[in-house]
C-alpha cells in the first residue's frame, strides 16, 4: 500500500500585538490629521467666501 504525500499548509505569519497596535495608532493619527486639515480648509474656504461677498456687495 502506498501512502500519499501530505501537503503542508502555509501558516500565515502572525504579527505581534504590539506592532499591530503601533500600526493602528500610526494610521489613526494620520486619519485624524487629514480630518483636521479638511475641517480647516473648509472653514477657511467659507471665511474667504464671506469676506469676498462682503467686498463685492460693499
N, C-alpha and C. Protein backbone atom coordinates (compact mmCIF):
# COMPACT_ATOMS: atom_id res chain seq x y z
N UNK A 1 0.84 -1.18 0.00
CA UNK A 1 0.00 0.00 0.00
C UNK A 1 0.89 1.25 0.00
N UNK A 2 0.53 2.15 -0.87
CA UNK A 2 1.33 3.37 -1.00
C UNK A 2 0.67 4.50 -0.20
N UNK A 3 1.46 5.20 0.58
CA UNK A 3 0.94 6.30 1.38
C UNK A 3 1.10 7.59 0.58
N UNK A 4 0.01 8.30 0.42
CA UNK A 4 0.05 9.56 -0.31
C UNK A 4 0.82 10.64 0.45
N UNK A 5 1.28 11.60 -0.30
CA UNK A 5 2.04 12.69 0.30
C UNK A 5 1.10 13.66 1.02
N UNK A 6 1.48 14.06 2.19
CA UNK A 6 0.66 15.00 2.95
C UNK A 6 1.13 16.41 2.61
N UNK A 7 0.20 17.24 2.17
CA UNK A 7 0.55 18.61 1.83
C UNK A 7 0.57 19.46 3.09
N UNK A 8 1.62 20.20 3.23
CA UNK A 8 1.72 21.07 4.39
C UNK A 8 0.97 22.37 4.11
N UNK A 9 0.26 22.81 5.09
CA UNK A 9 -0.44 24.09 4.95
C UNK A 9 0.53 25.24 5.21
N UNK A 10 0.30 26.32 4.50
CA UNK A 10 1.12 27.51 4.75
C UNK A 10 0.44 28.30 5.84
N UNK A 11 1.14 28.46 6.94
CA UNK A 11 0.59 29.17 8.08
C UNK A 11 1.01 30.63 7.97
N UNK A 12 0.05 31.56 7.94
CA UNK A 12 0.43 32.96 7.84
C UNK A 12 1.19 33.43 9.07
N UNK A 13 2.10 34.33 8.83
CA UNK A 13 2.91 34.85 9.93
C UNK A 13 2.05 35.81 10.75
N UNK A 14 1.99 35.56 12.02
CA UNK A 14 1.18 36.39 12.90
C UNK A 14 2.04 37.52 13.44
N UNK A 15 1.53 38.73 13.29
CA UNK A 15 2.28 39.87 13.81
C UNK A 15 2.07 39.98 15.31
N UNK A 16 3.07 40.41 16.00
CA UNK A 16 2.89 40.62 17.44
C UNK A 16 1.85 41.72 17.69
N UNK A 17 1.14 41.60 18.78
CA UNK A 17 0.08 42.56 19.10
C UNK A 17 0.64 43.97 19.26
N UNK A 18 1.85 44.10 19.76
CA UNK A 18 2.43 45.42 19.98
C UNK A 18 2.64 46.15 18.67
N UNK A 19 3.16 45.47 17.65
CA UNK A 19 3.39 46.15 16.37
C UNK A 19 2.07 46.46 15.68
N UNK A 20 1.05 45.61 15.86
CA UNK A 20 -0.25 45.88 15.27
C UNK A 20 -0.87 47.11 15.92
N UNK A 21 -0.71 47.24 17.24
CA UNK A 21 -1.25 48.40 17.94
C UNK A 21 -0.52 49.66 17.50
N UNK A 22 0.79 49.59 17.34
CA UNK A 22 1.55 50.75 16.90
C UNK A 22 1.14 51.15 15.50
N UNK A 23 0.90 50.16 14.63
CA UNK A 23 0.47 50.46 13.26
C UNK A 23 -0.90 51.12 13.26
N UNK A 24 -1.81 50.63 14.11
CA UNK A 24 -3.15 51.21 14.19
C UNK A 24 -3.06 52.66 14.68
N UNK A 25 -2.23 52.91 15.69
CA UNK A 25 -2.07 54.27 16.20
C UNK A 25 -1.53 55.19 15.11
N UNK A 26 -0.58 54.68 14.32
CA UNK A 26 0.01 55.47 13.23
C UNK A 26 -1.06 55.84 12.20
N UNK A 27 -1.86 54.85 11.80
CA UNK A 27 -2.90 55.10 10.81
C UNK A 27 -3.97 56.03 11.36
N UNK A 28 -4.32 55.84 12.62
CA UNK A 28 -5.34 56.70 13.23
C UNK A 28 -4.85 58.14 13.33
N UNK A 29 -3.59 58.32 13.67
CA UNK A 29 -3.04 59.67 13.77
C UNK A 29 -3.07 60.36 12.41
N UNK A 30 -2.74 59.63 11.36
CA UNK A 30 -2.77 60.23 10.03
C UNK A 30 -4.19 60.55 9.59
N UNK A 31 -5.13 59.68 9.96
CA UNK A 31 -6.53 59.94 9.62
C UNK A 31 -7.04 61.18 10.35
N UNK A 32 -6.70 61.28 11.64
CA UNK A 32 -7.12 62.44 12.42
C UNK A 32 -6.50 63.72 11.87
N UNK A 33 -5.24 63.64 11.46
CA UNK A 33 -4.58 64.81 10.88
C UNK A 33 -5.23 65.23 9.58
N UNK A 34 -5.58 64.26 8.75
CA UNK A 34 -6.24 64.57 7.48
C UNK A 34 -7.62 65.17 7.73
N UNK A 35 -8.33 64.65 8.72
CA UNK A 35 -9.65 65.19 9.04
C UNK A 35 -9.54 66.62 9.55
N UNK A 36 -8.52 66.89 10.35
CA UNK A 36 -8.31 68.25 10.87
C UNK A 36 -8.00 69.21 9.73
N UNK A 37 -7.15 68.77 8.80
CA UNK A 37 -6.83 69.63 7.65
C UNK A 37 -8.07 69.90 6.79
N UNK A 38 -8.91 68.91 6.63
CA UNK A 38 -10.13 69.09 5.85
C UNK A 38 -11.06 70.11 6.52
N UNK A 39 -11.17 70.04 7.83
CA UNK A 39 -12.02 70.98 8.56
C UNK A 39 -11.45 72.39 8.44
N UNK A 40 -10.14 72.52 8.59
CA UNK A 40 -9.53 73.85 8.49
C UNK A 40 -9.69 74.43 7.08
N UNK A 41 -9.50 73.60 6.08
CA UNK A 41 -9.64 74.07 4.70
C UNK A 41 -11.08 74.48 4.41
N UNK A 42 -12.02 73.72 4.92
CA UNK A 42 -13.43 74.05 4.70
C UNK A 42 -13.79 75.36 5.40
N UNK A 43 -13.37 75.49 6.65
CA UNK A 43 -13.70 76.72 7.38
C UNK A 43 -13.00 77.92 6.77
N UNK A 44 -11.77 77.73 6.29
CA UNK A 44 -11.06 78.83 5.62
C UNK A 44 -11.77 79.22 4.33
N UNK A 45 -12.22 78.22 3.59
CA UNK A 45 -12.95 78.49 2.35
C UNK A 45 -14.24 79.25 2.60
N UNK A 46 -14.95 78.87 3.65
CA UNK A 46 -16.19 79.58 3.99
C UNK A 46 -15.88 81.02 4.40
N UNK A 47 -14.83 81.21 5.18
CA UNK A 47 -14.45 82.56 5.61
C UNK A 47 -14.08 83.43 4.41
N UNK A 48 -13.36 82.85 3.46
CA UNK A 48 -12.98 83.61 2.26
C UNK A 48 -14.22 83.98 1.44
N UNK A 49 -15.17 83.06 1.33
CA UNK A 49 -16.41 83.36 0.61
C UNK A 49 -17.19 84.47 1.29
N UNK A 50 -17.24 84.45 2.61
CA UNK A 50 -17.95 85.51 3.34
C UNK A 50 -17.28 86.85 3.12
N UNK A 51 -15.94 86.88 3.22
CA UNK A 51 -15.22 88.14 3.01
C UNK A 51 -15.39 88.63 1.57
N UNK A 52 -15.33 87.73 0.61
CA UNK A 52 -15.49 88.12 -0.79
C UNK A 52 -16.89 88.66 -1.04
N UNK A 53 -17.88 88.04 -0.42
CA UNK A 53 -19.26 88.51 -0.59
C UNK A 53 -19.42 89.91 0.00
N UNK A 54 -18.82 90.14 1.16
CA UNK A 54 -18.89 91.48 1.77
C UNK A 54 -18.19 92.52 0.92
N UNK A 55 -17.07 92.16 0.32
CA UNK A 55 -16.33 93.10 -0.52
C UNK A 55 -17.10 93.42 -1.80
N UNK A 56 -17.73 92.40 -2.39
CA UNK A 56 -18.46 92.60 -3.63
C UNK A 56 -19.75 93.37 -3.41
N UNK A 57 -20.37 93.22 -2.27
CA UNK A 57 -21.63 93.92 -2.01
C UNK A 57 -21.39 95.34 -1.49
N UNK A 58 -20.20 95.64 -1.03
CA UNK A 58 -19.93 96.96 -0.47
C UNK A 58 -19.69 98.00 -1.55
